[in-house]
Amino acid sequence: MLGAIAGDIIGSCYEGKPLKSTHFPLFSKHSRFTDDTVLTLAVAHSILKKLPYEISIKNFARAYPDAGYGGTFFQWMLSQDNQPYNSWGNGSAMRVSPVGFAFNTIEEVLAEAKKSAEVTHNHPEGIKGAQATAVAVFLARNGSSKSEIKEYISNNFQYNLDRTLAEIRPSYSFDVSCQGSVPESIISFLESDNYKSAVKNAISLGGDADTMACISGAIAQAYYKEIPEELVTKTRELLTEDLLEVLDQFNSKFNL
């Protein structure tokens, strides 16, 4: 799960600033955690405490109201009404990685990913994006090869993963939909050599940088089983004590 958070923080400086290159510094004085981190840890908290996802998601979001939420989510966060708003945005995928780390069968992962998504993102594409991301994490942490991950996601979610980053990058632009960013985030992992390159690949497409690096980074952590120590240290330095507490409890429980 730290892979998702580090990806979010690294990408935070580049959202809306398309690079189209993998040559850039990972951190700057402007690096910060965003809504991707807050809501990822909210999902982790729900799993740890066996709470409904909407309760933790709302509570964490209200505790960090300036993390950069979309307008519709922000209205939902402040509302007393917990009804979902039929979103197909990639917010469902950015927060789902704890599900892929915590559950032990594909069936459980699919069911929990759907539950975590549909509290807000109950559109079929919103659910699909969360499930594809969570399953990719699950398969990666359980030793599946990249070709096996690609085949499962392609066959079960009908995402086109045959494109290369070189083909995607020139014309790709900012896209917050699951269908327009989750496949590209997965391809960024598939073309990587290690955790760092997975995150850089995602950011280099010039899209929703923090969210795409969050998604790709989560899968990369699960697959490569390690994140460079300097990235771990810097990421932890930028988190608050209460967020670190959730992260450490989750990592301890699930041996991450």
C-alpha atoms as a PDB file:
ATOM      1  CA  MET A   1       0.000   0.000   0.000  1.00  0.00           C
ATOM      2  CA  LEU A   2       2.955   2.321   0.549  1.00  0.00           C
ATOM      3  CA  GLY A   3       3.561   1.961  -3.186  1.00  0.00           C
ATOM      4  CA  ALA A   4       0.255   3.672  -3.904  1.00  0.00           C
ATOM      5  CA  ILE A   5       0.956   6.469  -1.417  1.00  0.00           C
ATOM      6  CA  ALA A   6       4.483   7.111  -2.669  1.00  0.00           C
ATOM      7  CA  GLY A   7       3.165   7.200  -6.228  1.00  0.00           C
ATOM      8  CA  ASP A   8       0.561   9.770  -5.235  1.00  0.00           C
ATOM      9  CA  ILE A   9       3.123  11.999  -3.526  1.00  0.00           C
ATOM     10  CA  ILE A  10       5.634  11.722  -6.381  1.00  0.00           C
ATOM     11  CA  GLY A  11       2.932  12.490  -8.938  1.00  0.00           C
ATOM     12  CA  SER A  12       1.444  15.374  -6.960  1.00  0.00           C
ATOM     13  CA  CYS A  13       3.838  17.916  -8.498  1.00  0.00           C
ATOM     14  CA  TYR A  14       3.043  16.886 -12.058  1.00  0.00           C
ATOM     15  CA  GLU A  15      -0.745  16.795 -12.219  1.00  0.00           C
ATOM     16  CA  GLY A  16      -1.774  19.246 -14.929  1.00  0.00           C
ATOM     17  CA  LYS A  17       1.867  19.635 -16.012  1.00  0.00           C
ATOM     18  CA  PRO A  18       2.371  17.052 -18.758  1.00  0.00           C
ATOM     19  CA  LEU A  19       5.979  15.939 -18.988  1.00  0.00           C
ATOM     20  CA  LYS A  20       5.991  13.314 -21.744  1.00  0.00           C
ATOM     21  CA  SER A  21       9.311  12.088 -20.330  1.00  0.00           C
ATOM     22  CA  THR A  22      10.610   9.784 -17.614  1.00  0.00           C
ATOM     23  CA  HIS A  23      13.443  12.183 -16.755  1.00  0.00           C
ATOM     24  CA  PHE A  24      12.313  14.253 -13.789  1.00  0.00           C
ATOM     25  CA  PRO A  25      13.002  14.539 -10.047  1.00  0.00           C
ATOM     26  CA  LEU A  26      10.821  12.395  -7.838  1.00  0.00           C
ATOM     27  CA  PHE A  27      10.359  14.912  -5.040  1.00  0.00           C
ATOM     28  CA  SER A  28      10.387  18.678  -4.677  1.00  0.00           C
ATOM     29  CA  LYS A  29       9.402  21.212  -2.047  1.00  0.00           C
ATOM     30  CA  HIS A  30       5.889  21.037  -3.493  1.00  0.00           C
ATOM     31  CA  SER A  31       5.492  17.273  -3.029  1.00  0.00           C
ATOM     32  CA  ARG A  32       2.526  16.373  -0.837  1.00  0.00           C
ATOM     33  CA  PHE A  33      -0.028  13.661  -0.271  1.00  0.00           C
ATOM     34  CA  THR A  34      -3.398  14.205  -1.925  1.00  0.00           C
ATOM     35  CA  ASP A  35      -6.888  12.735  -1.802  1.00  0.00           C
ATOM     36  CA  ASP A  36      -5.472   9.517  -3.282  1.00  0.00           C
ATOM     37  CA  THR A  37      -3.489   8.878  -0.091  1.00  0.00           C
ATOM     38  CA  VAL A  38      -6.226   9.978   2.295  1.00  0.00           C
ATOM     39  CA  LEU A  39      -8.840   7.732   0.706  1.00  0.00           C
ATOM     40  CA  THR A  40      -6.466   4.783   0.267  1.00  0.00           C
ATOM     41  CA  LEU A  41      -5.830   4.885   4.006  1.00  0.00           C
ATOM     42  CA  ALA A  42      -9.560   5.284   4.619  1.00  0.00           C
ATOM     43  CA  VAL A  43     -10.169   2.006   2.777  1.00  0.00           C
ATOM     44  CA  ALA A  44      -7.347   0.385   4.766  1.00  0.00           C
ATOM     45  CA  HIS A  45      -8.946   1.647   7.993  1.00  0.00           C
ATOM     46  CA  SER A  46     -12.300   0.149   6.983  1.00  0.00           C
ATOM     47  CA  ILE A  47     -10.645  -3.217   6.416  1.00  0.00           C
ATOM     48  CA  LEU A  48      -8.731  -3.090   9.703  1.00  0.00           C
ATOM     49  CA  LYS A  49     -11.715  -2.022  11.797  1.00  0.00           C
ATOM     50  CA  LYS A  50     -14.388  -3.867   9.802  1.00  0.00           C
ATOM     51  CA  LEU A  51     -16.261  -0.625   9.201  1.00  0.00           C
ATOM     52  CA  PRO A  52     -18.484   0.210   6.232  1.00  0.00           C
ATOM     53  CA  TYR A  53     -16.357   1.834   3.545  1.00  0.00           C
ATOM     54  CA  GLU A  54     -18.528   4.940   3.346  1.00  0.00           C
ATOM     55  CA  ILE A  55     -18.018   5.658   7.053  1.00  0.00           C
ATOM     56  CA  SER A  56     -14.219   5.665   6.903  1.00  0.00           C
ATOM     57  CA  ILE A  57     -14.094   7.411   3.546  1.00  0.00           C
ATOM     58  CA  LYS A  58     -16.264  10.268   4.789  1.00  0.00           C
ATOM     59  CA  ASN A  59     -14.495  10.558   8.123  1.00  0.00           C
ATOM     60  CA  PHE A  60     -11.009  10.624   6.597  1.00  0.00           C
ATOM     61  CA  ALA A  61     -12.029  13.047   3.863  1.00  0.00           C
ATOM     62  CA  ARG A  62     -13.597  15.413   6.392  1.00  0.00           C
ATOM     63  CA  ALA A  63     -10.410  15.261   8.461  1.00  0.00           C
ATOM     64  CA  TYR A  64      -8.400  16.344   5.378  1.00  0.00           C
ATOM     65  CA  PRO A  65     -10.793  18.617   3.480  1.00  0.00           C
ATOM     66  CA  ASP A  66      -8.047  20.320   1.463  1.00  0.00           C
ATOM     67  CA  ALA A  67      -6.532  17.188  -0.084  1.00  0.00           C
ATOM     68  CA  GLY A  68      -7.811  17.954  -3.583  1.00  0.00           C
ATOM     69  CA  TYR A  69     -11.112  16.115  -4.018  1.00  0.00           C
ATOM     70  CA  GLY A  70     -13.322  16.418  -7.057  1.00  0.00           C
ATOM     71  CA  GLY A  71     -16.333  18.664  -6.730  1.00  0.00           C
ATOM     72  CA  THR A  72     -18.984  15.941  -6.666  1.00  0.00           C
ATOM     73  CA  PHE A  73     -17.073  13.897  -4.108  1.00  0.00           C
ATOM     74  CA  PHE A  74     -16.628  17.002  -1.972  1.00  0.00           C
ATOM     75  CA  GLN A  75     -20.382  17.579  -1.945  1.00  0.00           C
ATOM     76  CA  TRP A  76     -20.955  13.912  -1.043  1.00  0.00           C
ATOM     77  CA  MET A  77     -18.317  14.164   1.703  1.00  0.00           C
ATOM     78  CA  LEU A  78     -20.123  17.081   3.350  1.00  0.00           C
ATOM     79  CA  SER A  79     -23.605  15.668   2.877  1.00  0.00           C
ATOM     80  CA  GLN A  80     -25.539  13.670   5.447  1.00  0.00           C
ATOM     81  CA  ASP A  81     -26.727  11.494   2.558  1.00  0.00           C
ATOM     82  CA  ASN A  82     -24.590   8.449   1.760  1.00  0.00           C
ATOM     83  CA  GLN A  83     -26.141   7.718  -1.621  1.00  0.00           C
ATOM     84  CA  PRO A  84     -23.616   7.164  -4.431  1.00  0.00           C
ATOM     85  CA  TYR A  85     -23.491   9.500  -7.417  1.00  0.00           C
ATOM     86  CA  ASN A  86     -22.879   7.124 -10.337  1.00  0.00           C
ATOM     87  CA  SER A  87     -19.300   8.200 -10.990  1.00  0.00           C
ATOM     88  CA  TRP A  88     -17.030   6.509 -13.525  1.00  0.00           C
ATOM     89  CA  GLY A  89     -14.031   8.507 -12.329  1.00  0.00           C
ATOM     90  CA  ASN A  90     -10.710   6.967 -11.334  1.00  0.00           C
ATOM     91  CA  GLY A  91     -11.245   7.824  -7.659  1.00  0.00           C
ATOM     92  CA  SER A  92     -12.556   4.300  -7.162  1.00  0.00           C
ATOM     93  CA  ALA A  93      -9.316   2.819  -8.525  1.00  0.00           C
ATOM     94  CA  MET A  94      -6.913   5.151  -6.746  1.00  0.00           C
ATOM     95  CA  ARG A  95      -8.132   4.118  -3.268  1.00  0.00           C
ATOM     96  CA  VAL A  96      -8.647   0.380  -3.765  1.00  0.00           C
ATOM     97  CA  SER A  97      -5.145  -1.105  -3.395  1.00  0.00           C
ATOM     98  CA  PRO A  98      -5.612  -2.183   0.263  1.00  0.00           C
ATOM     99  CA  VAL A  99      -8.270  -4.608  -0.967  1.00  0.00           C
ATOM    100  CA  GLY A 100      -5.756  -6.313  -3.248  1.00  0.00           C
ATOM    101  CA  PHE A 101      -3.312  -6.702  -0.352  1.00  0.00           C
ATOM    102  CA  ALA A 102      -5.790  -7.790   2.334  1.00  0.00           C
ATOM    103  CA  PHE A 103      -7.963 -10.523   0.818  1.00  0.00           C
ATOM    104  CA  ASN A 104      -7.000 -14.018  -0.164  1.00  0.00           C
ATOM    105  CA  THR A 105      -9.073 -15.064  -3.180  1.00  0.00           C
ATOM    106  CA  ILE A 106      -9.955 -13.354  -6.428  1.00  0.00           C
ATOM    107  CA  GLU A 107     -13.620 -13.729  -5.529  1.00  0.00           C
ATOM    108  CA  GLU A 108     -13.136 -11.846  -2.269  1.00  0.00           C
ATOM    109  CA  VAL A 109     -11.066  -9.163  -3.963  1.00  0.00           C
ATOM    110  CA  LEU A 110     -13.690  -8.617  -6.655  1.00  0.00           C
ATOM    111  CA  ALA A 111     -16.491  -8.402  -4.098  1.00  0.00           C
ATOM    112  CA  GLU A 112     -14.652  -6.040  -1.754  1.00  0.00           C
ATOM    113  CA  ALA A 113     -13.401  -3.836  -4.581  1.00  0.00           C
ATOM    114  CA  LYS A 114     -16.995  -3.464  -5.761  1.00  0.00           C
ATOM    115  CA  LYS A 115     -18.145  -2.591  -2.231  1.00  0.00           C
ATOM    116  CA  SER A 116     -15.385  -0.014  -1.796  1.00  0.00           C
ATOM    117  CA  ALA A 117     -16.166   1.575  -5.164  1.00  0.00           C
ATOM    118  CA  GLU A 118     -19.926   1.696  -5.178  1.00  0.00           C
ATOM    119  CA  VAL A 119     -20.285   3.869  -2.071  1.00  0.00           C
ATOM    120  CA  THR A 120     -19.595   6.710  -4.538  1.00  0.00           C
ATOM    121  CA  HIS A 121     -18.626   5.213  -7.906  1.00  0.00           C
ATOM    122  CA  ASN A 122     -21.548   2.901  -8.654  1.00  0.00           C
ATOM    123  CA  HIS A 123     -21.316   3.384 -12.425  1.00  0.00           C
ATOM    124  CA  PRO A 124     -20.204   0.088 -14.088  1.00  0.00           C
ATOM    125  CA  GLU A 125     -16.967   1.701 -15.288  1.00  0.00           C
ATOM    126  CA  GLY A 126     -16.198   2.992 -11.795  1.00  0.00           C
ATOM    127  CA  ILE A 127     -16.668  -0.472 -10.334  1.00  0.00           C
ATOM    128  CA  LYS A 128     -14.692  -2.082 -13.155  1.00  0.00           C
ATOM    129  CA  GLY A 129     -11.728   0.235 -12.663  1.00  0.00           C
ATOM    130  CA  ALA A 130     -11.571  -0.553  -8.961  1.00  0.00           C
ATOM    131  CA  GLN A 131     -11.873  -4.292  -9.532  1.00  0.00           C
ATOM    132  CA  ALA A 132      -9.217  -4.354 -12.255  1.00  0.00           C
ATOM    133  CA  THR A 133      -6.769  -2.443 -10.067  1.00  0.00           C
ATOM    134  CA  ALA A 134      -7.407  -4.561  -6.977  1.00  0.00           C
ATOM    135  CA  VAL A 135      -7.102  -7.817  -8.912  1.00  0.00           C
ATOM    136  CA  ALA A 136      -3.861  -6.663 -10.529  1.00  0.00           C
ATOM    137  CA  VAL A 137      -2.467  -5.999  -7.030  1.00  0.00           C
ATOM    138  CA  PHE A 138      -3.733  -9.382  -5.812  1.00  0.00           C
ATOM    139  CA  LEU A 139      -2.233 -11.302  -8.728  1.00  0.00           C
ATOM    140  CA  ALA A 140       1.064  -9.429  -8.461  1.00  0.00           C
ATOM    141  CA  ARG A 141       1.475 -10.109  -4.753  1.00  0.00           C
ATOM    142  CA  ASN A 142       0.701 -13.784  -5.267  1.00  0.00           C
ATOM    143  CA  GLY A 143       3.424 -14.370  -7.832  1.00  0.00           C
ATOM    144  CA  SER A 144       1.624 -14.075 -11.161  1.00  0.00           C
ATOM    145  CA  SER A 145       3.823 -13.085 -14.079  1.00  0.00           C
ATOM    146  CA  LYS A 146       3.247  -9.878 -15.991  1.00  0.00           C
ATOM    147  CA  SER A 147       1.872 -11.867 -18.906  1.00  0.00           C
ATOM    148  CA  GLU A 148      -0.578 -13.637 -16.596  1.00  0.00           C
ATOM    149  CA  ILE A 149      -1.696 -10.334 -15.066  1.00  0.00           C
ATOM    150  CA  LYS A 150      -2.118  -8.803 -18.510  1.00  0.00           C
ATOM    151  CA  GLU A 151      -4.114 -11.780 -19.776  1.00  0.00           C
ATOM    152  CA  TYR A 152      -6.449 -11.853 -16.773  1.00  0.00           C
ATOM    153  CA  ILE A 153      -7.172  -8.118 -16.864  1.00  0.00           C
ATOM    154  CA  SER A 154      -7.607  -8.077 -20.640  1.00  0.00           C
ATOM    155  CA  ASN A 155      -9.937 -11.054 -20.698  1.00  0.00           C
ATOM    156  CA  ASN A 156     -12.039 -10.159 -17.677  1.00  0.00           C
ATOM    157  CA  PHE A 157     -12.247  -6.366 -17.938  1.00  0.00           C
ATOM    158  CA  GLN A 158     -11.873  -5.850 -21.692  1.00  0.00           C
ATOM    159  CA  TYR A 159      -9.106  -3.287 -21.248  1.00  0.00           C
ATOM    160  CA  ASN A 160      -6.760  -2.969 -24.202  1.00  0.00           C
ATOM    161  CA  LEU A 161      -3.335  -3.636 -22.718  1.00  0.00           C
ATOM    162  CA  ASP A 162      -1.639  -4.344 -26.057  1.00  0.00           C
ATOM    163  CA  ARG A 163      -0.657  -0.701 -26.583  1.00  0.00           C
ATOM    164  CA  THR A 164       2.825   0.473 -25.649  1.00  0.00           C
ATOM    165  CA  LEU A 165       3.691   3.603 -23.709  1.00  0.00           C
ATOM    166  CA  ALA A 166       5.467   4.930 -26.802  1.00  0.00           C
ATOM    167  CA  GLU A 167       2.207   4.602 -28.728  1.00  0.00           C
ATOM    168  CA  ILE A 168       0.068   6.117 -25.965  1.00  0.00           C
ATOM    169  CA  ARG A 169       2.262   9.010 -24.825  1.00  0.00           C
ATOM    170  CA  PRO A 170       2.210  11.425 -27.804  1.00  0.00           C
ATOM    171  CA  SER A 171      -1.561  11.959 -27.907  1.00  0.00           C
ATOM    172  CA  TYR A 172      -2.538  11.108 -24.334  1.00  0.00           C
ATOM    173  CA  SER A 173      -4.002  13.907 -22.237  1.00  0.00           C
ATOM    174  CA  PHE A 174      -5.557  14.471 -18.814  1.00  0.00           C
ATOM    175  CA  ASP A 175      -8.347  11.940 -18.268  1.00  0.00           C
ATOM    176  CA  VAL A 176     -10.001  11.248 -14.907  1.00  0.00           C
ATOM    177  CA  SER A 177     -12.221   8.404 -16.128  1.00  0.00           C
ATOM    178  CA  CYS A 178     -11.465   4.843 -15.101  1.00  0.00           C
ATOM    179  CA  GLN A 179     -11.741   3.704 -18.711  1.00  0.00           C
ATOM    180  CA  GLY A 180      -9.302   6.383 -19.830  1.00  0.00           C
ATOM    181  CA  SER A 181      -6.655   6.048 -17.116  1.00  0.00           C
ATOM    182  CA  VAL A 182      -6.712   2.634 -15.419  1.00  0.00           C
ATOM    183  CA  PRO A 183      -5.566   0.653 -18.494  1.00  0.00           C
ATOM    184  CA  GLU A 184      -2.760   3.146 -19.087  1.00  0.00           C
ATOM    185  CA  SER A 185      -1.704   2.889 -15.447  1.00  0.00           C
ATOM    186  CA  ILE A 186      -1.559  -0.896 -15.700  1.00  0.00           C
ATOM    187  CA  ILE A 187       0.476  -0.678 -18.920  1.00  0.00           C
ATOM    188  CA  SER A 188       2.867   1.643 -17.064  1.00  0.00           C
ATOM    189  CA  PHE A 189       3.456  -1.177 -14.592  1.00  0.00           C
ATOM    190  CA  LEU A 190       3.715  -3.839 -17.292  1.00  0.00           C
ATOM    191  CA  GLU A 191       6.514  -1.920 -19.046  1.00  0.00           C
ATOM    192  CA  SER A 192       8.435  -1.221 -15.835  1.00  0.00           C
ATOM    193  CA  ASP A 193      11.668  -2.751 -14.577  1.00  0.00           C
ATOM    194  CA  ASN A 194      11.205  -1.838 -10.920  1.00  0.00           C
ATOM    195  CA  TYR A 195       9.010   0.217  -8.617  1.00  0.00           C
ATOM    196  CA  LYS A 196      10.547   3.549  -9.537  1.00  0.00           C
ATOM    197  CA  SER A 197      10.189   3.025 -13.276  1.00  0.00           C
ATOM    198  CA  ALA A 198       6.523   2.023 -12.903  1.00  0.00           C
ATOM    199  CA  VAL A 199       5.758   5.338 -11.210  1.00  0.00           C
ATOM    200  CA  LYS A 200       7.832   7.326 -13.699  1.00  0.00           C
ATOM    201  CA  ASN A 201       6.126   5.574 -16.608  1.00  0.00           C
ATOM    202  CA  ALA A 202       2.687   6.552 -15.329  1.00  0.00           C
ATOM    203  CA  ILE A 203       3.642  10.186 -14.778  1.00  0.00           C
ATOM    204  CA  SER A 204       5.378  10.397 -18.166  1.00  0.00           C
ATOM    205  CA  LEU A 205       2.087   9.939 -20.015  1.00  0.00           C
ATOM    206  CA  GLY A 206       1.088  13.464 -19.056  1.00  0.00           C
ATOM    207  CA  GLY A 207      -2.321  12.655 -17.618  1.00  0.00           C
ATOM    208  CA  ASP A 208      -3.755  12.494 -14.102  1.00  0.00           C
ATOM    209  CA  ALA A 209      -0.235  12.057 -12.765  1.00  0.00           C
ATOM    210  CA  ASP A 210      -0.768  11.463  -9.049  1.00  0.00           C
ATOM    211  CA  THR A 211      -3.648   9.029  -9.495  1.00  0.00           C
ATOM    212  CA  MET A 212      -2.008   7.083 -12.298  1.00  0.00           C
ATOM    213  CA  ALA A 213       1.252   6.830 -10.343  1.00  0.00           C
ATOM    214  CA  CYS A 214      -0.779   5.742  -7.322  1.00  0.00           C
ATOM    215  CA  ILE A 215      -2.396   2.896  -9.301  1.00  0.00           C
ATOM    216  CA  SER A 216       0.775   1.801 -11.073  1.00  0.00           C
ATOM    217  CA  GLY A 217       2.796   2.144  -7.866  1.00  0.00           C
ATOM    218  CA  ALA A 218       0.440  -0.098  -5.928  1.00  0.00           C
ATOM    219  CA  ILE A 219       0.743  -2.897  -8.484  1.00  0.00           C
ATOM    220  CA  ALA A 220       4.510  -2.409  -8.689  1.00  0.00           C
ATOM    221  CA  GLN A 221       4.927  -2.731  -4.922  1.00  0.00           C
ATOM    222  CA  ALA A 222       2.928  -5.949  -4.971  1.00  0.00           C
ATOM    223  CA  TYR A 223       4.967  -7.351  -7.863  1.00  0.00           C
ATOM    224  CA  TYR A 224       8.525  -6.243  -7.053  1.00  0.00           C
ATOM    225  CA  LYS A 225       8.081  -6.604  -3.283  1.00  0.00           C
ATOM    226  CA  GLU A 226      10.332  -3.637  -2.569  1.00  0.00           C
ATOM    227  CA  ILE A 227      10.450   0.127  -2.783  1.00  0.00           C
ATOM    228  CA  PRO A 228      13.781   1.982  -2.618  1.00  0.00           C
ATOM    229  CA  GLU A 229      14.499   2.960   0.975  1.00  0.00           C
ATOM    230  CA  GLU A 230      14.974   6.629   0.156  1.00  0.00           C
ATOM    231  CA  LEU A 231      11.462   6.728  -1.313  1.00  0.00           C
ATOM    232  CA  VAL A 232      10.020   5.015   1.754  1.00  0.00           C
ATOM    233  CA  THR A 233      11.761   7.479   4.069  1.00  0.00           C
ATOM    234  CA  LYS A 234      10.646  10.557   2.141  1.00  0.00           C
ATOM    235  CA  THR A 235       7.081   9.298   1.825  1.00  0.00           C
ATOM    236  CA  ARG A 236       6.806   8.652   5.542  1.00  0.00           C
ATOM    237  CA  GLU A 237       8.211  12.106   6.309  1.00  0.00           C
ATOM    238  CA  LEU A 238       5.353  13.696   4.371  1.00  0.00           C
ATOM    239  CA  LEU A 239       2.542  11.824   6.140  1.00  0.00           C
ATOM    240  CA  THR A 240       0.820  12.943   9.331  1.00  0.00           C
ATOM    241  CA  GLU A 241       1.020  10.834  12.482  1.00  0.00           C
ATOM    242  CA  ASP A 242      -2.560   9.577  12.235  1.00  0.00           C
ATOM    243  CA  LEU A 243      -2.122   8.515   8.612  1.00  0.00           C
ATOM    244  CA  LEU A 244       1.152   6.791   9.476  1.00  0.00           C
ATOM    245  CA  GLU A 245      -0.586   4.911  12.257  1.00  0.00           C
ATOM    246  CA  VAL A 246      -3.114   3.423   9.825  1.00  0.00           C
ATOM    247  CA  LEU A 247      -0.373   2.582   7.340  1.00  0.00           C
ATOM    248  CA  ASP A 248       1.742   0.833   9.969  1.00  0.00           C
ATOM    249  CA  GLN A 249      -1.191  -1.103  11.413  1.00  0.00           C
ATOM    250  CA  PHE A 250      -2.172  -2.310   7.952  1.00  0.00           C
ATOM    251  CA  ASN A 251       1.386  -3.250   7.019  1.00  0.00           C
ATOM    252  CA  SER A 252       1.815  -5.139  10.282  1.00  0.00           C
ATOM    253  CA  LYS A 253      -1.441  -7.066   9.927  1.00  0.00           C
ATOM    254  CA  PHE A 254      -0.843  -8.056   6.322  1.00  0.00           C
ATOM    255  CA  ASN A 255       2.956  -8.460   6.463  1.00  0.00           C
ATOM    256  CA  LEU A 256       3.767  -5.740   3.962  1.00  0.00           C
END
